[in-house]
């Protein structure tokens, strides 16, 4: 399985954890760090792209769905 496929699967998993679980942000951050390490090991030249695409996506989902729910 290529790196892009593995990153996609991990990304989908993290998004599902944010949207459909009661995990705290610290636990989500651990999952993001595991994904970051995979990227650093296999494509270190892509880490900046990883940060801009994936991390911001996860943070945006958290802010839109979790913070909103906590404030309701």
N, C-alpha and C. Protein backbone atom coordinates (compact mmCIF):
# COMPACT_ATOMS: atom_id res chain seq x y z
N UNK A 1 0.86 -1.16 0.00
CA UNK A 1 0.00 0.00 0.00
C UNK A 1 0.92 1.24 0.00
N UNK A 2 0.62 2.19 -0.85
CA UNK A 2 1.47 3.37 -0.95
C UNK A 2 1.18 4.37 0.17
N UNK A 3 2.08 5.33 0.32
CA UNK A 3 1.96 6.31 1.40
C UNK A 3 0.68 7.13 1.30
N UNK A 4 0.32 7.56 0.12
CA UNK A 4 -0.89 8.37 -0.05
C UNK A 4 -2.13 7.63 0.46
N UNK A 5 -2.22 6.36 0.17
CA UNK A 5 -3.36 5.55 0.61
C UNK A 5 -3.37 5.42 2.14
N UNK A 6 -2.20 5.18 2.72
CA UNK A 6 -2.13 5.05 4.18
C UNK A 6 -2.46 6.37 4.87
N UNK A 7 -1.99 7.48 4.32
CA UNK A 7 -2.32 8.79 4.90
C UNK A 7 -3.81 9.07 4.78
N UNK A 8 -4.37 8.71 3.65
CA UNK A 8 -5.81 8.91 3.46
C UNK A 8 -6.61 8.11 4.49
N UNK A 9 -6.24 6.88 4.70
CA UNK A 9 -6.95 6.03 5.66
C UNK A 9 -6.83 6.58 7.08
N UNK A 10 -5.62 7.01 7.43
CA UNK A 10 -5.43 7.57 8.77
C UNK A 10 -6.21 8.88 8.93
N UNK A 11 -6.20 9.68 7.89
CA UNK A 11 -6.95 10.93 7.92
C UNK A 11 -8.44 10.67 8.12
N UNK A 12 -8.97 9.73 7.38
CA UNK A 12 -10.39 9.37 7.53
C UNK A 12 -10.69 8.87 8.93
N UNK A 13 -9.78 8.10 9.48
CA UNK A 13 -9.97 7.58 10.84
C UNK A 13 -10.00 8.73 11.84
N UNK A 14 -9.06 9.66 11.73
CA UNK A 14 -9.01 10.79 12.66
C UNK A 14 -10.26 11.65 12.52
N UNK A 15 -10.68 11.89 11.30
CA UNK A 15 -11.91 12.67 11.09
C UNK A 15 -13.10 11.98 11.75
N UNK A 16 -13.19 10.68 11.61
CA UNK A 16 -14.27 9.93 12.24
C UNK A 16 -14.19 9.98 13.76
N UNK A 17 -12.99 9.94 14.30
CA UNK A 17 -12.83 10.06 15.74
C UNK A 17 -13.32 11.42 16.23
N UNK A 18 -13.00 12.46 15.49
CA UNK A 18 -13.44 13.80 15.86
C UNK A 18 -14.96 13.90 15.81
N UNK A 19 -15.54 13.39 14.73
CA UNK A 19 -16.96 13.56 14.51
C UNK A 19 -17.85 12.58 15.27
N UNK A 20 -17.34 11.37 15.52
CA UNK A 20 -18.23 10.31 16.02
C UNK A 20 -17.75 9.63 17.30
N UNK A 21 -16.85 10.27 18.02
CA UNK A 21 -16.43 9.69 19.29
C UNK A 21 -16.41 10.79 20.34
N UNK A 22 -16.13 10.39 21.56
CA UNK A 22 -16.03 11.39 22.62
C UNK A 22 -14.58 11.56 23.08
N UNK A 23 -13.65 11.22 22.21
CA UNK A 23 -12.23 11.38 22.54
C UNK A 23 -11.90 12.84 22.77
N UNK A 24 -11.03 13.08 23.72
CA UNK A 24 -10.55 14.42 24.02
C UNK A 24 -9.50 14.83 22.98
N UNK A 25 -9.26 16.15 22.88
CA UNK A 25 -8.31 16.65 21.89
C UNK A 25 -6.92 16.06 22.09
N UNK A 26 -6.51 15.85 23.32
CA UNK A 26 -5.18 15.30 23.57
C UNK A 26 -5.03 13.93 22.90
N UNK A 27 -6.07 13.13 22.91
CA UNK A 27 -6.02 11.82 22.27
C UNK A 27 -6.02 11.93 20.75
N UNK A 28 -6.77 12.90 20.25
CA UNK A 28 -6.76 13.17 18.81
C UNK A 28 -5.37 13.63 18.39
N UNK A 29 -4.76 14.49 19.21
CA UNK A 29 -3.42 15.00 18.90
C UNK A 29 -2.39 13.87 18.85
N UNK A 30 -2.55 12.87 19.67
CA UNK A 30 -1.65 11.70 19.64
C UNK A 30 -1.80 10.98 18.31
N UNK A 31 -3.02 10.80 17.85
CA UNK A 31 -3.25 10.16 16.56
C UNK A 31 -2.66 10.99 15.41
N UNK A 32 -2.79 12.31 15.50
CA UNK A 32 -2.20 13.18 14.48
C UNK A 32 -0.69 13.05 14.49
N UNK A 33 -0.10 12.97 15.67
CA UNK A 33 1.35 12.83 15.78
C UNK A 33 1.83 11.52 15.16
N UNK A 34 1.08 10.45 15.34
CA UNK A 34 1.44 9.17 14.71
C UNK A 34 1.42 9.31 13.19
N UNK A 35 0.43 10.02 12.69
CA UNK A 35 0.32 10.24 11.24
C UNK A 35 1.47 11.11 10.75
N UNK A 36 1.81 12.13 11.54
CA UNK A 36 2.94 13.02 11.20
C UNK A 36 4.24 12.22 11.13
N UNK A 37 4.45 11.33 12.08
CA UNK A 37 5.67 10.51 12.10
C UNK A 37 5.76 9.63 10.87
N UNK A 38 4.64 9.06 10.46
CA UNK A 38 4.62 8.25 9.24
C UNK A 38 5.07 9.10 8.04
N UNK A 39 4.54 10.28 7.95
CA UNK A 39 4.89 11.17 6.85
C UNK A 39 6.37 11.55 6.91
N UNK A 40 6.87 11.88 8.10
CA UNK A 40 8.27 12.26 8.26
C UNK A 40 9.21 11.12 7.90
N UNK A 41 8.83 9.90 8.22
CA UNK A 41 9.67 8.75 7.94
C UNK A 41 9.72 8.44 6.44
N UNK A 42 8.60 8.56 5.78
CA UNK A 42 8.53 8.11 4.39
C UNK A 42 8.61 9.23 3.36
N UNK A 43 8.28 10.45 3.76
CA UNK A 43 8.33 11.58 2.80
C UNK A 43 8.64 12.87 3.56
N UNK A 44 9.84 12.99 4.12
CA UNK A 44 10.15 14.17 4.92
C UNK A 44 10.03 15.48 4.15
N UNK A 45 10.19 15.43 2.87
CA UNK A 45 10.07 16.63 2.03
C UNK A 45 8.62 17.11 1.95
N UNK A 46 7.67 16.31 2.37
CA UNK A 46 6.25 16.65 2.30
C UNK A 46 5.66 17.09 3.64
N UNK A 47 6.50 17.22 4.68
CA UNK A 47 5.96 17.50 6.00
C UNK A 47 5.27 18.86 6.07
N UNK A 48 5.78 19.85 5.38
CA UNK A 48 5.13 21.16 5.38
C UNK A 48 3.74 21.08 4.75
N UNK A 49 3.63 20.33 3.67
CA UNK A 49 2.33 20.12 3.03
C UNK A 49 1.40 19.36 3.97
N UNK A 50 1.92 18.37 4.66
CA UNK A 50 1.14 17.63 5.65
C UNK A 50 0.54 18.58 6.69
N UNK A 51 1.38 19.45 7.23
CA UNK A 51 0.93 20.39 8.26
C UNK A 51 -0.18 21.30 7.74
N UNK A 52 0.00 21.80 6.54
CA UNK A 52 -1.00 22.73 5.98
C UNK A 52 -2.31 22.04 5.64
N UNK A 53 -2.24 20.84 5.12
CA UNK A 53 -3.46 20.15 4.70
C UNK A 53 -4.17 19.43 5.84
N UNK A 54 -3.46 18.52 6.44
CA UNK A 54 -4.11 17.63 7.40
C UNK A 54 -4.34 18.28 8.76
N UNK A 55 -3.31 18.86 9.33
CA UNK A 55 -3.46 19.40 10.68
C UNK A 55 -4.51 20.50 10.72
N UNK A 56 -4.48 21.37 9.73
CA UNK A 56 -5.49 22.43 9.70
C UNK A 56 -6.89 21.86 9.51
N UNK A 57 -7.00 20.80 8.72
CA UNK A 57 -8.30 20.14 8.52
C UNK A 57 -8.84 19.58 9.83
N UNK A 58 -7.98 18.88 10.57
CA UNK A 58 -8.40 18.29 11.84
C UNK A 58 -8.80 19.38 12.84
N UNK A 59 -8.02 20.43 12.90
CA UNK A 59 -8.33 21.53 13.82
C UNK A 59 -9.65 22.20 13.45
N UNK A 60 -9.86 22.39 12.16
CA UNK A 60 -11.11 23.02 11.69
C UNK A 60 -12.31 22.14 12.04
N UNK A 61 -12.21 20.84 11.83
CA UNK A 61 -13.29 19.93 12.20
C UNK A 61 -13.57 19.99 13.70
N UNK A 62 -12.51 19.98 14.48
CA UNK A 62 -12.68 20.05 15.93
C UNK A 62 -13.40 21.34 16.32
N UNK A 63 -12.93 22.44 15.76
CA UNK A 63 -13.53 23.74 16.09
C UNK A 63 -14.99 23.82 15.67
N UNK A 64 -15.30 23.29 14.51
CA UNK A 64 -16.67 23.38 13.99
C UNK A 64 -17.63 22.44 14.71
N UNK A 65 -17.19 21.24 15.05
CA UNK A 65 -18.10 20.24 15.59
C UNK A 65 -18.00 20.06 17.08
N UNK A 66 -16.80 20.03 17.61
CA UNK A 66 -16.66 19.76 19.04
C UNK A 66 -16.85 21.01 19.89
N UNK A 67 -16.20 22.10 19.52
CA UNK A 67 -16.32 23.32 20.31
C UNK A 67 -17.76 23.80 20.30
N UNK A 68 -18.40 23.68 19.15
CA UNK A 68 -19.80 24.09 19.03
C UNK A 68 -20.67 23.23 19.96
N UNK A 69 -20.42 21.92 19.99
CA UNK A 69 -21.21 21.03 20.85
C UNK A 69 -20.96 21.31 22.33
N UNK A 70 -19.73 21.59 22.68
CA UNK A 70 -19.40 21.85 24.08
C UNK A 70 -20.05 23.13 24.57
N UNK A 71 -20.24 24.09 23.68
CA UNK A 71 -20.84 25.36 24.05
C UNK A 71 -22.36 25.33 24.04
N UNK A 72 -22.94 24.26 23.52
CA UNK A 72 -24.41 24.17 23.44
C UNK A 72 -25.00 23.71 24.75
